[in-house]
Amino acid sequence: MPRVDDFLNALILAREILPARDPETLCRNAGAEYLALHPGGKITLPFFMKPVNVTYPEGQVEYEDQEIKLSLQEQGLILHYLLGVQDIPLTNEPITFREIPSGEFYYQPFLKRAQVPLVQTFGSDHELFCRAGQKVGGVDAKMADVSLTFRPFPRIPITLILWREDDEFPPEGNILFDATIKHFLSGEDIAFLAGTVVYKLMASAKGLKITK
């Protein structure tokens, strides 16, 4: 299992790489904005619909609303997206996690963190899935029995799909990615990002239940 030290080391490594990259090119590829300051500058991009600021060249990452905190792994993920995303148009070709390079290696963590919680929480309550998903930017993907596409980053769509139970099978679900994601992020980062989508969806659902 990864430790806090692993997340911190990954973050430090990404910060070491960042100064060698042109910030305007990074922003153009990532769907972000760059503000030149003296010295350095600031990169701003949406992360789950909320603006995040990244100082350049230092690589300090925080939400614009500083009351919302980012974990070490989220900070590293944001830098990995900035450093990894390329100017490649979406293929609109959905792939599963297992089709991602090293997807088999990270498949069990992906199941545990993302796919299993998705089905356990929403497999029998598609109405809650849709209501909670709309609160965090989900858009109907018109697949399976119910599906929503989320944009945690501007250039990365992630689609959550569910099938209803029937007389023979329990509820099922899956998580699909545009084929371009395998060029942008590692399998470990993709597994974490998919889980983050699901956990934010679950938090949204919990909020809806509380307000009833």
N, C-alpha and C. Protein backbone atom coordinates (compact mmCIF):
# COMPACT_ATOMS: atom_id res chain seq x y z
N MET A 1 0.84 -1.20 0.00
CA MET A 1 0.00 0.00 0.00
C MET A 1 0.88 1.26 0.00
N PRO A 2 0.51 2.28 -0.81
CA PRO A 2 1.29 3.51 -0.82
C PRO A 2 1.23 4.19 0.56
N ARG A 3 2.31 4.86 0.92
CA ARG A 3 2.37 5.58 2.18
C ARG A 3 2.42 7.08 1.90
N VAL A 4 2.24 7.87 2.95
CA VAL A 4 2.31 9.32 2.81
C VAL A 4 3.64 9.74 2.20
N ASP A 5 4.72 9.04 2.59
CA ASP A 5 6.04 9.35 2.04
C ASP A 5 6.07 9.17 0.53
N ASP A 6 5.36 8.16 0.03
CA ASP A 6 5.32 7.92 -1.41
C ASP A 6 4.64 9.08 -2.13
N PHE A 7 3.53 9.54 -1.56
CA PHE A 7 2.81 10.66 -2.17
C PHE A 7 3.66 11.92 -2.15
N LEU A 8 4.35 12.15 -1.03
CA LEU A 8 5.20 13.33 -0.91
C LEU A 8 6.36 13.27 -1.90
N ASN A 9 6.96 12.10 -2.03
CA ASN A 9 8.08 11.96 -2.97
C ASN A 9 7.63 12.19 -4.41
N ALA A 10 6.44 11.69 -4.75
CA ALA A 10 5.90 11.89 -6.11
C ALA A 10 5.65 13.38 -6.37
N LEU A 11 5.16 14.07 -5.35
CA LEU A 11 4.90 15.50 -5.46
C LEU A 11 6.21 16.27 -5.62
N ILE A 12 7.20 15.92 -4.85
CA ILE A 12 8.51 16.59 -4.94
C ILE A 12 9.12 16.40 -6.32
N LEU A 13 9.03 15.17 -6.85
CA LEU A 13 9.58 14.88 -8.17
C LEU A 13 8.88 15.71 -9.25
N ALA A 14 7.55 15.80 -9.18
CA ALA A 14 6.81 16.61 -10.15
C ALA A 14 7.21 18.08 -10.06
N ARG A 15 7.43 18.56 -8.85
CA ARG A 15 7.86 19.95 -8.67
C ARG A 15 9.25 20.19 -9.27
N GLU A 16 10.09 19.18 -9.23
CA GLU A 16 11.43 19.31 -9.80
C GLU A 16 11.38 19.37 -11.33
N ILE A 17 10.41 18.70 -11.93
CA ILE A 17 10.28 18.67 -13.39
C ILE A 17 9.64 19.96 -13.92
N LEU A 18 8.71 20.52 -13.17
CA LEU A 18 7.90 21.65 -13.65
C LEU A 18 8.71 22.82 -14.19
N PRO A 19 9.77 23.30 -13.53
CA PRO A 19 10.47 24.49 -14.03
C PRO A 19 11.08 24.34 -15.42
N ALA A 20 11.32 23.09 -15.85
CA ALA A 20 11.92 22.87 -17.16
C ALA A 20 10.90 22.94 -18.29
N ARG A 21 9.63 23.07 -17.95
CA ARG A 21 8.57 23.08 -18.95
C ARG A 21 8.03 24.49 -19.16
N ASP A 22 7.68 24.81 -20.38
CA ASP A 22 7.14 26.13 -20.72
C ASP A 22 5.71 26.24 -20.19
N PRO A 23 5.42 27.21 -19.31
CA PRO A 23 4.10 27.26 -18.68
C PRO A 23 2.97 27.55 -19.67
N GLU A 24 3.23 28.35 -20.69
CA GLU A 24 2.17 28.66 -21.64
C GLU A 24 1.80 27.44 -22.48
N THR A 25 2.77 26.61 -22.82
CA THR A 25 2.48 25.37 -23.53
C THR A 25 1.72 24.41 -22.63
N LEU A 26 2.13 24.31 -21.38
CA LEU A 26 1.41 23.46 -20.43
C LEU A 26 -0.05 23.87 -20.34
N CYS A 27 -0.30 25.16 -20.23
CA CYS A 27 -1.67 25.65 -20.08
C CYS A 27 -2.49 25.43 -21.34
N ARG A 28 -1.87 25.63 -22.48
CA ARG A 28 -2.59 25.41 -23.74
C ARG A 28 -3.00 23.94 -23.87
N ASN A 29 -2.12 23.03 -23.50
CA ASN A 29 -2.44 21.60 -23.57
C ASN A 29 -3.48 21.20 -22.54
N ALA A 30 -3.43 21.81 -21.37
CA ALA A 30 -4.24 21.37 -20.23
C ALA A 30 -5.59 22.05 -20.14
N GLY A 31 -5.84 23.06 -20.97
CA GLY A 31 -7.08 23.82 -20.82
C GLY A 31 -7.04 24.71 -19.60
N ALA A 32 -5.85 25.23 -19.31
CA ALA A 32 -5.62 26.08 -18.13
C ALA A 32 -5.28 27.50 -18.59
N GLU A 33 -5.13 28.40 -17.63
CA GLU A 33 -4.76 29.78 -17.91
C GLU A 33 -3.46 30.10 -17.18
N TYR A 34 -2.65 30.93 -17.81
CA TYR A 34 -1.38 31.32 -17.20
C TYR A 34 -1.33 32.83 -17.01
N LEU A 35 -0.97 33.23 -15.80
CA LEU A 35 -0.79 34.64 -15.48
C LEU A 35 0.68 34.86 -15.14
N ALA A 36 1.36 35.65 -15.99
CA ALA A 36 2.78 35.92 -15.75
C ALA A 36 2.92 36.94 -14.64
N LEU A 37 3.75 36.62 -13.66
CA LEU A 37 4.03 37.52 -12.54
C LEU A 37 5.53 37.74 -12.50
N HIS A 38 5.97 38.61 -11.64
CA HIS A 38 7.41 38.88 -11.53
C HIS A 38 7.82 38.79 -10.06
N PRO A 39 8.57 37.75 -9.70
CA PRO A 39 9.04 36.65 -10.57
C PRO A 39 7.98 35.56 -10.71
N GLY A 40 8.21 34.64 -11.63
CA GLY A 40 7.35 33.47 -11.78
C GLY A 40 5.99 33.78 -12.35
N GLY A 41 5.03 32.92 -12.04
CA GLY A 41 3.68 33.08 -12.56
C GLY A 41 2.71 32.16 -11.85
N LYS A 42 1.48 32.14 -12.35
CA LYS A 42 0.43 31.33 -11.73
C LYS A 42 -0.38 30.63 -12.82
N ILE A 43 -0.55 29.33 -12.65
CA ILE A 43 -1.38 28.52 -13.53
C ILE A 43 -2.70 28.27 -12.82
N THR A 44 -3.81 28.49 -13.51
CA THR A 44 -5.13 28.25 -12.93
C THR A 44 -5.90 27.28 -13.81
N LEU A 45 -6.43 26.22 -13.22
CA LEU A 45 -7.24 25.26 -13.96
C LEU A 45 -8.33 24.71 -13.06
N PRO A 46 -9.43 24.23 -13.66
CA PRO A 46 -10.49 23.64 -12.85
C PRO A 46 -10.17 22.19 -12.48
N PHE A 47 -10.43 21.87 -11.24
CA PHE A 47 -10.33 20.51 -10.74
C PHE A 47 -11.66 20.19 -10.09
N PHE A 48 -12.45 19.34 -10.72
CA PHE A 48 -13.83 19.09 -10.29
C PHE A 48 -14.60 20.41 -10.16
N MET A 49 -14.51 21.21 -11.20
CA MET A 49 -15.29 22.45 -11.37
C MET A 49 -14.88 23.58 -10.43
N LYS A 50 -13.86 23.38 -9.61
CA LYS A 50 -13.40 24.43 -8.72
C LYS A 50 -11.99 24.85 -9.13
N PRO A 51 -11.72 26.18 -9.19
CA PRO A 51 -10.40 26.63 -9.66
C PRO A 51 -9.28 26.30 -8.68
N VAL A 52 -8.20 25.78 -9.25
CA VAL A 52 -6.99 25.45 -8.51
C VAL A 52 -5.85 26.30 -9.05
N ASN A 53 -5.02 26.81 -8.17
CA ASN A 53 -3.85 27.60 -8.56
C ASN A 53 -2.57 26.81 -8.35
N VAL A 54 -1.69 26.89 -9.32
CA VAL A 54 -0.38 26.25 -9.24
C VAL A 54 0.67 27.33 -9.46
N THR A 55 1.53 27.56 -8.48
CA THR A 55 2.57 28.57 -8.65
C THR A 55 3.65 28.02 -9.60
N TYR A 56 4.16 28.90 -10.44
CA TYR A 56 5.22 28.52 -11.38
C TYR A 56 6.43 29.39 -11.13
N PRO A 57 7.61 28.84 -10.92
CA PRO A 57 8.00 27.44 -11.15
C PRO A 57 7.95 26.54 -9.93
N GLU A 58 7.49 27.04 -8.78
CA GLU A 58 7.62 26.27 -7.53
C GLU A 58 6.73 25.02 -7.50
N GLY A 59 5.53 25.10 -8.12
CA GLY A 59 4.64 23.96 -8.12
C GLY A 59 3.85 23.78 -6.84
N GLN A 60 3.60 24.89 -6.13
CA GLN A 60 2.71 24.83 -4.97
C GLN A 60 1.27 24.80 -5.48
N VAL A 61 0.46 23.87 -4.96
CA VAL A 61 -0.88 23.65 -5.49
C VAL A 61 -1.92 23.85 -4.39
N GLU A 62 -2.93 24.67 -4.68
CA GLU A 62 -4.01 24.85 -3.71
C GLU A 62 -5.26 25.35 -4.42
N TYR A 63 -6.40 25.06 -3.83
CA TYR A 63 -7.65 25.61 -4.34
C TYR A 63 -7.63 27.12 -4.21
N GLU A 64 -8.30 27.80 -5.15
CA GLU A 64 -8.43 29.25 -5.05
C GLU A 64 -9.14 29.62 -3.75
N ASP A 65 -10.15 28.83 -3.40
CA ASP A 65 -10.79 28.93 -2.09
C ASP A 65 -9.92 28.16 -1.10
N GLN A 66 -9.09 28.86 -0.38
CA GLN A 66 -8.07 28.21 0.45
C GLN A 66 -8.66 27.47 1.65
N GLU A 67 -9.95 27.61 1.88
CA GLU A 67 -10.58 26.85 2.96
C GLU A 67 -10.75 25.38 2.56
N ILE A 68 -10.73 25.10 1.25
CA ILE A 68 -10.81 23.72 0.76
C ILE A 68 -9.39 23.20 0.61
N LYS A 69 -9.10 22.10 1.23
CA LYS A 69 -7.73 21.58 1.24
C LYS A 69 -7.57 20.43 0.25
N LEU A 70 -6.40 20.35 -0.36
CA LEU A 70 -6.03 19.26 -1.25
C LEU A 70 -5.09 18.31 -0.54
N SER A 71 -5.31 17.02 -0.70
CA SER A 71 -4.40 16.04 -0.13
C SER A 71 -3.09 16.05 -0.93
N LEU A 72 -2.05 15.43 -0.38
CA LEU A 72 -0.78 15.32 -1.09
C LEU A 72 -0.98 14.59 -2.42
N GLN A 73 -1.80 13.54 -2.42
CA GLN A 73 -2.00 12.77 -3.64
C GLN A 73 -2.75 13.60 -4.68
N GLU A 74 -3.71 14.40 -4.25
CA GLU A 74 -4.42 15.28 -5.18
C GLU A 74 -3.48 16.34 -5.77
N GLN A 75 -2.61 16.90 -4.94
CA GLN A 75 -1.64 17.87 -5.44
C GLN A 75 -0.73 17.24 -6.50
N GLY A 76 -0.26 16.03 -6.21
CA GLY A 76 0.58 15.33 -7.17
C GLY A 76 -0.16 15.02 -8.46
N LEU A 77 -1.41 14.61 -8.32
CA LEU A 77 -2.23 14.29 -9.50
C LEU A 77 -2.39 15.52 -10.40
N ILE A 78 -2.64 16.66 -9.81
CA ILE A 78 -2.81 17.89 -10.59
C ILE A 78 -1.53 18.24 -11.35
N LEU A 79 -0.38 18.11 -10.69
CA LEU A 79 0.88 18.37 -11.38
C LEU A 79 1.14 17.33 -12.47
N HIS A 80 0.79 16.07 -12.19
CA HIS A 80 0.97 15.02 -13.20
C HIS A 80 0.11 15.30 -14.43
N TYR A 81 -1.10 15.79 -14.21
CA TYR A 81 -1.96 16.16 -15.34
C TYR A 81 -1.32 17.28 -16.15
N LEU A 82 -0.88 18.33 -15.48
CA LEU A 82 -0.25 19.44 -16.18
C LEU A 82 0.97 18.99 -16.98
N LEU A 83 1.76 18.13 -16.41
CA LEU A 83 3.00 17.68 -17.06
C LEU A 83 2.75 16.62 -18.13
N GLY A 84 1.65 15.89 -18.00
CA GLY A 84 1.42 14.76 -18.89
C GLY A 84 0.46 15.00 -20.04
N VAL A 85 -0.50 15.92 -19.86
CA VAL A 85 -1.52 16.11 -20.90
C VAL A 85 -0.88 16.66 -22.17
N GLN A 86 -1.40 16.20 -23.30
CA GLN A 86 -0.87 16.60 -24.60
C GLN A 86 -1.98 17.21 -25.44
N ASP A 87 -1.57 17.89 -26.51
CA ASP A 87 -2.53 18.52 -27.41
C ASP A 87 -3.05 17.48 -28.38
N ILE A 88 -3.86 16.54 -27.84
CA ILE A 88 -4.43 15.45 -28.63
C ILE A 88 -5.95 15.54 -28.51
N PRO A 89 -6.67 15.55 -29.62
CA PRO A 89 -8.14 15.61 -29.52
C PRO A 89 -8.70 14.31 -28.95
N LEU A 90 -9.82 14.40 -28.26
CA LEU A 90 -10.48 13.21 -27.74
C LEU A 90 -10.84 12.27 -28.88
N THR A 91 -10.71 10.98 -28.64
CA THR A 91 -11.04 9.99 -29.66
C THR A 91 -12.53 9.64 -29.63
N ASN A 92 -13.20 9.90 -28.48
CA ASN A 92 -14.57 9.44 -28.24
C ASN A 92 -14.65 7.91 -28.33
N GLU A 93 -13.52 7.28 -28.10
CA GLU A 93 -13.44 5.82 -28.05
C GLU A 93 -13.32 5.40 -26.58
N PRO A 94 -14.39 4.85 -25.99
CA PRO A 94 -14.31 4.49 -24.57
C PRO A 94 -13.49 3.24 -24.35
N ILE A 95 -12.67 3.27 -23.31
CA ILE A 95 -11.90 2.09 -22.92
C ILE A 95 -12.12 1.82 -21.44
N THR A 96 -11.92 0.59 -21.03
CA THR A 96 -12.02 0.22 -19.63
C THR A 96 -10.66 0.39 -18.96
N PHE A 97 -10.65 0.27 -17.66
CA PHE A 97 -9.40 0.42 -16.93
C PHE A 97 -8.39 -0.65 -17.34
N ARG A 98 -8.87 -1.83 -17.63
CA ARG A 98 -7.95 -2.92 -17.99
C ARG A 98 -7.26 -2.68 -19.33
N GLU A 99 -7.79 -1.79 -20.14
CA GLU A 99 -7.17 -1.48 -21.43
C GLU A 99 -6.09 -0.41 -21.32
N ILE A 100 -5.90 0.13 -20.13
CA ILE A 100 -4.87 1.13 -19.89
C ILE A 100 -3.54 0.42 -19.61
N PRO A 101 -2.43 0.90 -20.14
CA PRO A 101 -1.14 0.29 -19.81
C PRO A 101 -0.95 0.23 -18.29
N SER A 102 -0.55 -0.91 -17.78
CA SER A 102 -0.41 -1.20 -16.35
C SER A 102 -1.76 -1.27 -15.64
N GLY A 103 -2.86 -1.26 -16.40
CA GLY A 103 -4.19 -1.34 -15.79
C GLY A 103 -4.39 -2.62 -15.01
N GLU A 104 -3.85 -3.74 -15.51
CA GLU A 104 -3.99 -5.01 -14.79
C GLU A 104 -3.29 -4.95 -13.43
N PHE A 105 -2.14 -4.28 -13.39
CA PHE A 105 -1.38 -4.20 -12.15
C PHE A 105 -2.15 -3.42 -11.08
N TYR A 106 -2.86 -2.36 -11.51
CA TYR A 106 -3.60 -1.52 -10.55
C TYR A 106 -5.09 -1.85 -10.51
N TYR A 107 -5.47 -3.00 -11.11
CA TYR A 107 -6.90 -3.29 -11.24
C TYR A 107 -7.57 -3.51 -9.89
N GLN A 108 -6.94 -4.23 -8.99
CA GLN A 108 -7.57 -4.47 -7.68
C GLN A 108 -7.75 -3.17 -6.89
N PRO A 109 -6.74 -2.28 -6.80
CA PRO A 109 -6.98 -0.99 -6.15
C PRO A 109 -8.09 -0.19 -6.84
N PHE A 110 -8.15 -0.28 -8.19
CA PHE A 110 -9.21 0.40 -8.93
C PHE A 110 -10.58 -0.14 -8.54
N LEU A 111 -10.71 -1.45 -8.49
CA LEU A 111 -11.99 -2.05 -8.08
C LEU A 111 -12.38 -1.61 -6.66
N LYS A 112 -11.41 -1.71 -5.75
CA LYS A 112 -11.69 -1.41 -4.34
C LYS A 112 -12.05 0.05 -4.13
N ARG A 113 -11.36 0.96 -4.81
CA ARG A 113 -11.55 2.38 -4.57
C ARG A 113 -12.67 2.99 -5.41
N ALA A 114 -12.92 2.43 -6.60
CA ALA A 114 -13.82 3.10 -7.53
C ALA A 114 -15.02 2.24 -7.92
N GLN A 115 -14.79 1.14 -8.61
CA GLN A 115 -15.91 0.42 -9.21
C GLN A 115 -16.83 -0.23 -8.18
N VAL A 116 -16.27 -0.88 -7.18
CA VAL A 116 -17.10 -1.54 -6.17
C VAL A 116 -17.93 -0.53 -5.37
N PRO A 117 -17.34 0.58 -4.85
CA PRO A 117 -18.16 1.57 -4.16
C PRO A 117 -19.26 2.18 -5.05
N LEU A 118 -18.96 2.35 -6.33
CA LEU A 118 -19.97 2.87 -7.26
C LEU A 118 -21.19 1.97 -7.28
N VAL A 119 -20.97 0.68 -7.46
CA VAL A 119 -22.09 -0.26 -7.56
C VAL A 119 -22.79 -0.43 -6.22
N GLN A 120 -22.01 -0.52 -5.15
CA GLN A 120 -22.62 -0.70 -3.83
C GLN A 120 -23.50 0.49 -3.44
N THR A 121 -23.08 1.68 -3.80
CA THR A 121 -23.81 2.88 -3.38
C THR A 121 -24.98 3.19 -4.30
N PHE A 122 -24.80 3.00 -5.61
CA PHE A 122 -25.81 3.48 -6.56
C PHE A 122 -26.42 2.40 -7.44
N GLY A 123 -25.97 1.15 -7.31
CA GLY A 123 -26.47 0.10 -8.19
C GLY A 123 -27.97 -0.11 -8.11
N SER A 124 -28.54 0.12 -6.94
CA SER A 124 -29.98 -0.06 -6.76
C SER A 124 -30.72 1.26 -6.59
N ASP A 125 -30.04 2.37 -6.81
CA ASP A 125 -30.68 3.68 -6.67
C ASP A 125 -30.18 4.61 -7.77
N HIS A 126 -30.70 4.40 -8.97
CA HIS A 126 -30.25 5.20 -10.10
C HIS A 126 -30.72 6.65 -10.01
N GLU A 127 -31.84 6.86 -9.36
CA GLU A 127 -32.32 8.23 -9.19
C GLU A 127 -31.33 9.03 -8.34
N LEU A 128 -30.86 8.43 -7.25
CA LEU A 128 -29.88 9.11 -6.40
C LEU A 128 -28.58 9.35 -7.18
N PHE A 129 -28.18 8.38 -7.97
CA PHE A 129 -26.98 8.52 -8.81
C PHE A 129 -27.09 9.75 -9.70
N CYS A 130 -28.23 9.91 -10.35
CA CYS A 130 -28.41 11.04 -11.26
C CYS A 130 -28.47 12.36 -10.51
N ARG A 131 -29.21 12.40 -9.41
CA ARG A 131 -29.34 13.64 -8.65
C ARG A 131 -28.00 14.06 -8.06
N ALA A 132 -27.28 13.11 -7.47
CA ALA A 132 -25.98 13.41 -6.88
C ALA A 132 -24.98 13.80 -7.96
N GLY A 133 -25.02 13.11 -9.08
CA GLY A 133 -24.08 13.38 -10.16
C GLY A 133 -24.25 14.75 -10.76
N GLN A 134 -25.48 15.20 -10.91
CA GLN A 134 -25.72 16.53 -11.47
C GLN A 134 -25.13 17.62 -10.58
N LYS A 135 -25.07 17.35 -9.29
CA LYS A 135 -24.50 18.33 -8.34
C LYS A 135 -23.01 18.51 -8.53
N VAL A 136 -22.34 17.52 -9.09
CA VAL A 136 -20.88 17.60 -9.27
C VAL A 136 -20.50 17.59 -10.75
N GLY A 137 -21.45 18.05 -11.58
CA GLY A 137 -21.14 18.29 -12.98
C GLY A 137 -21.35 17.13 -13.93
N GLY A 138 -22.03 16.09 -13.50
CA GLY A 138 -22.27 14.94 -14.37
C GLY A 138 -23.25 15.27 -15.49
N VAL A 139 -22.96 14.74 -16.68
CA VAL A 139 -23.80 14.94 -17.86
C VAL A 139 -24.21 13.58 -18.40
N ASP A 140 -25.48 13.44 -18.76
CA ASP A 140 -26.01 12.17 -19.27
C ASP A 140 -25.18 11.68 -20.45
N ALA A 141 -24.64 10.45 -20.33
CA ALA A 141 -23.83 9.88 -21.40
C ALA A 141 -24.62 8.95 -22.31
N LYS A 142 -25.87 8.71 -21.96
CA LYS A 142 -26.77 7.90 -22.79
C LYS A 142 -26.18 6.53 -23.10
N MET A 143 -25.75 5.86 -22.04
CA MET A 143 -25.21 4.51 -22.16
C MET A 143 -25.82 3.64 -21.07
N ALA A 144 -25.84 2.32 -21.31
CA ALA A 144 -26.34 1.35 -20.33
C ALA A 144 -27.73 1.75 -19.84
N ASP A 145 -28.07 1.40 -18.58
CA ASP A 145 -29.36 1.81 -18.03
C ASP A 145 -29.33 3.25 -17.55
N VAL A 146 -28.18 3.66 -17.04
CA VAL A 146 -27.98 5.05 -16.63
C VAL A 146 -26.48 5.32 -16.64
N SER A 147 -26.12 6.54 -16.99
CA SER A 147 -24.69 6.86 -17.09
C SER A 147 -24.49 8.36 -17.00
N LEU A 148 -23.35 8.75 -16.48
CA LEU A 148 -22.99 10.16 -16.38
C LEU A 148 -21.51 10.32 -16.71
N THR A 149 -21.21 11.38 -17.44
CA THR A 149 -19.82 11.72 -17.74
C THR A 149 -19.39 12.92 -16.92
N PHE A 150 -18.23 12.82 -16.29
CA PHE A 150 -17.67 13.88 -15.46
C PHE A 150 -16.37 14.38 -16.09
N ARG A 151 -16.03 15.64 -15.78
CA ARG A 151 -14.77 16.22 -16.26
C ARG A 151 -13.96 16.69 -15.06
N PRO A 152 -13.24 15.80 -14.41
CA PRO A 152 -12.42 16.24 -13.28
C PRO A 152 -11.34 17.22 -13.72
N PHE A 153 -10.83 17.05 -14.93
CA PHE A 153 -9.92 17.98 -15.58
C PHE A 153 -10.50 18.35 -16.95
N PRO A 154 -10.12 19.50 -17.51
CA PRO A 154 -10.71 19.92 -18.79
C PRO A 154 -10.56 18.91 -19.91
N ARG A 155 -9.44 18.18 -19.96
CA ARG A 155 -9.19 17.28 -21.08
C ARG A 155 -9.40 15.80 -20.72
N ILE A 156 -10.03 15.53 -19.59
CA ILE A 156 -10.21 14.13 -19.18
C ILE A 156 -11.67 13.87 -18.80
N PRO A 157 -12.44 13.26 -19.72
CA PRO A 157 -13.79 12.81 -19.35
C PRO A 157 -13.74 11.40 -18.74
N ILE A 158 -14.57 11.18 -17.74
CA ILE A 158 -14.70 9.86 -17.12
C ILE A 158 -16.19 9.55 -17.02
N THR A 159 -16.59 8.38 -17.53
CA THR A 159 -18.00 8.02 -17.59
C THR A 159 -18.30 6.87 -16.65
N LEU A 160 -19.26 7.07 -15.77
CA LEU A 160 -19.73 6.04 -14.84
C LEU A 160 -21.02 5.48 -15.39
N ILE A 161 -21.10 4.15 -15.50
CA ILE A 161 -22.29 3.51 -16.06
C ILE A 161 -22.82 2.44 -15.11
N LEU A 162 -24.14 2.27 -15.12
CA LEU A 162 -24.80 1.31 -14.23
C LEU A 162 -25.85 0.53 -15.00
N TRP A 163 -26.01 -0.77 -14.62
CA TRP A 163 -27.08 -1.60 -15.13
C TRP A 163 -27.94 -2.06 -13.95
N ARG A 164 -29.25 -2.07 -14.15
CA ARG A 164 -30.16 -2.51 -13.10
C ARG A 164 -30.05 -4.01 -12.88
N GLU A 165 -30.40 -4.42 -11.66
CA GLU A 165 -30.47 -5.85 -11.37
C GLU A 165 -31.69 -6.44 -12.09
N ASP A 166 -31.64 -7.74 -12.36
CA ASP A 166 -32.80 -8.44 -12.90
C ASP A 166 -32.91 -9.79 -12.21
N ASP A 167 -33.71 -10.67 -12.78
CA ASP A 167 -33.95 -11.96 -12.13
C ASP A 167 -32.70 -12.82 -12.08
N GLU A 168 -31.76 -12.55 -12.96
CA GLU A 168 -30.57 -13.41 -13.04
C GLU A 168 -29.31 -12.76 -12.50
N PHE A 169 -29.21 -11.44 -12.58
CA PHE A 169 -27.95 -10.77 -12.25
C PHE A 169 -28.17 -9.64 -11.25
N PRO A 170 -27.19 -9.43 -10.36
CA PRO A 170 -27.26 -8.28 -9.45
C PRO A 170 -26.94 -6.99 -10.21
N PRO A 171 -27.05 -5.84 -9.57
CA PRO A 171 -26.66 -4.59 -10.24
C PRO A 171 -25.19 -4.64 -10.65
N GLU A 172 -24.89 -4.01 -11.77
CA GLU A 172 -23.52 -3.97 -12.25
C GLU A 172 -23.16 -2.54 -12.65
N GLY A 173 -21.87 -2.29 -12.71
CA GLY A 173 -21.42 -0.97 -13.13
C GLY A 173 -20.01 -1.03 -13.68
N ASN A 174 -19.62 0.04 -14.34
CA ASN A 174 -18.27 0.11 -14.87
C ASN A 174 -17.88 1.58 -14.99
N ILE A 175 -16.61 1.80 -15.25
CA ILE A 175 -16.08 3.15 -15.41
C ILE A 175 -15.28 3.17 -16.70
N LEU A 176 -15.59 4.12 -17.57
CA LEU A 176 -14.97 4.20 -18.88
C LEU A 176 -14.19 5.50 -19.03
N PHE A 177 -13.15 5.43 -19.85
CA PHE A 177 -12.27 6.57 -20.08
C PHE A 177 -12.13 6.78 -21.59
N ASP A 178 -11.88 8.01 -22.00
CA ASP A 178 -11.50 8.23 -23.38
C ASP A 178 -10.11 7.64 -23.59
N ALA A 179 -9.89 7.07 -24.76
CA ALA A 179 -8.62 6.37 -25.02
C ALA A 179 -7.41 7.28 -24.87
N THR A 180 -7.59 8.59 -24.98
CA THR A 180 -6.45 9.50 -24.84
C THR A 180 -5.85 9.50 -23.45
N ILE A 181 -6.60 9.06 -22.44
CA ILE A 181 -6.11 9.17 -21.06
C ILE A 181 -4.82 8.37 -20.86
N LYS A 182 -4.64 7.31 -21.63
CA LYS A 182 -3.44 6.48 -21.45
C LYS A 182 -2.18 7.21 -21.88
N HIS A 183 -2.32 8.31 -22.61
CA HIS A 183 -1.17 9.13 -22.98
C HIS A 183 -0.88 10.22 -21.95
N PHE A 184 -1.81 10.45 -21.04
CA PHE A 184 -1.72 11.60 -20.13
C PHE A 184 -1.31 11.24 -18.71
N LEU A 185 -1.83 10.13 -18.19
CA LEU A 185 -1.63 9.78 -16.79
C LEU A 185 -1.20 8.32 -16.65
N SER A 186 -0.53 8.02 -15.55
CA SER A 186 -0.15 6.65 -15.24
C SER A 186 -1.37 5.85 -14.77
N GLY A 187 -1.25 4.52 -14.79
CA GLY A 187 -2.33 3.68 -14.29
C GLY A 187 -2.66 3.98 -12.84
N GLU A 188 -1.65 4.25 -12.03
CA GLU A 188 -1.87 4.57 -10.61
C GLU A 188 -2.68 5.85 -10.47
N ASP A 189 -2.31 6.87 -11.25
CA ASP A 189 -3.04 8.14 -11.18
C ASP A 189 -4.48 7.98 -11.68
N ILE A 190 -4.67 7.18 -12.71
CA ILE A 190 -6.02 6.99 -13.26
C ILE A 190 -6.90 6.27 -12.24
N ALA A 191 -6.35 5.27 -11.57
CA ALA A 191 -7.12 4.57 -10.54
C ALA A 191 -7.52 5.52 -9.42
N PHE A 192 -6.58 6.37 -9.00
CA PHE A 192 -6.89 7.34 -7.94
C PHE A 192 -7.93 8.35 -8.42
N LEU A 193 -7.79 8.83 -9.65
CA LEU A 193 -8.73 9.82 -10.17
C LEU A 193 -10.14 9.25 -10.28
N ALA A 194 -10.25 8.01 -10.77
CA ALA A 194 -11.57 7.37 -10.86
C ALA A 194 -12.21 7.24 -9.48
N GLY A 195 -11.41 6.84 -8.51
CA GLY A 195 -11.92 6.74 -7.14
C GLY A 195 -12.35 8.08 -6.59
N THR A 196 -11.62 9.13 -6.94
CA THR A 196 -11.97 10.46 -6.47
C THR A 196 -13.31 10.90 -7.03
N VAL A 197 -13.57 10.58 -8.32
CA VAL A 197 -14.88 10.88 -8.90
C VAL A 197 -15.98 10.19 -8.11
N VAL A 198 -15.79 8.91 -7.84
CA VAL A 198 -16.82 8.14 -7.13
C VAL A 198 -17.02 8.67 -5.72
N TYR A 199 -15.94 9.00 -5.02
CA TYR A 199 -16.08 9.47 -3.64
C TYR A 199 -16.74 10.85 -3.59
N LYS A 200 -16.47 11.69 -4.56
CA LYS A 200 -17.15 12.98 -4.60
C LYS A 200 -18.64 12.78 -4.89
N LEU A 201 -18.95 11.82 -5.73
CA LEU A 201 -20.34 11.49 -6.01
C LEU A 201 -21.04 10.95 -4.76
N MET A 202 -20.36 10.12 -4.02
CA MET A 202 -20.92 9.58 -2.78
C MET A 202 -21.13 10.69 -1.75
N ALA A 203 -20.19 11.63 -1.66
CA ALA A 203 -20.35 12.76 -0.74
C ALA A 203 -21.54 13.62 -1.13
N SER A 204 -21.73 13.80 -2.44
CA SER A 204 -22.88 14.56 -2.92
C SER A 204 -24.18 13.86 -2.56
N ALA A 205 -24.21 12.53 -2.71
CA ALA A 205 -25.40 11.75 -2.36
C ALA A 205 -25.70 11.84 -0.86
N LYS A 206 -24.65 11.79 -0.05
CA LYS A 206 -24.84 11.91 1.39
C LYS A 206 -25.43 13.26 1.75
N GLY A 207 -24.98 14.31 1.08
CA GLY A 207 -25.52 15.65 1.31
C GLY A 207 -26.98 15.74 0.95
N LEU A 208 -27.38 15.07 -0.13
CA LEU A 208 -28.79 15.07 -0.54
C LEU A 208 -29.65 14.37 0.50
N LYS A 209 -29.13 13.25 1.05
CA LYS A 209 -29.91 12.52 2.06
C LYS A 209 -30.07 13.33 3.34
N ILE A 210 -29.04 14.07 3.70
CA ILE A 210 -29.08 14.87 4.93
C ILE A 210 -30.12 16.00 4.81
N THR A 211 -30.24 16.57 3.59
CA THR A 211 -31.14 17.71 3.41
C THR A 211 -32.60 17.30 3.20
N LYS A 212 -32.87 16.01 3.12
CA LYS A 212 -34.26 15.57 2.93
C LYS A 212 -35.12 15.95 4.13
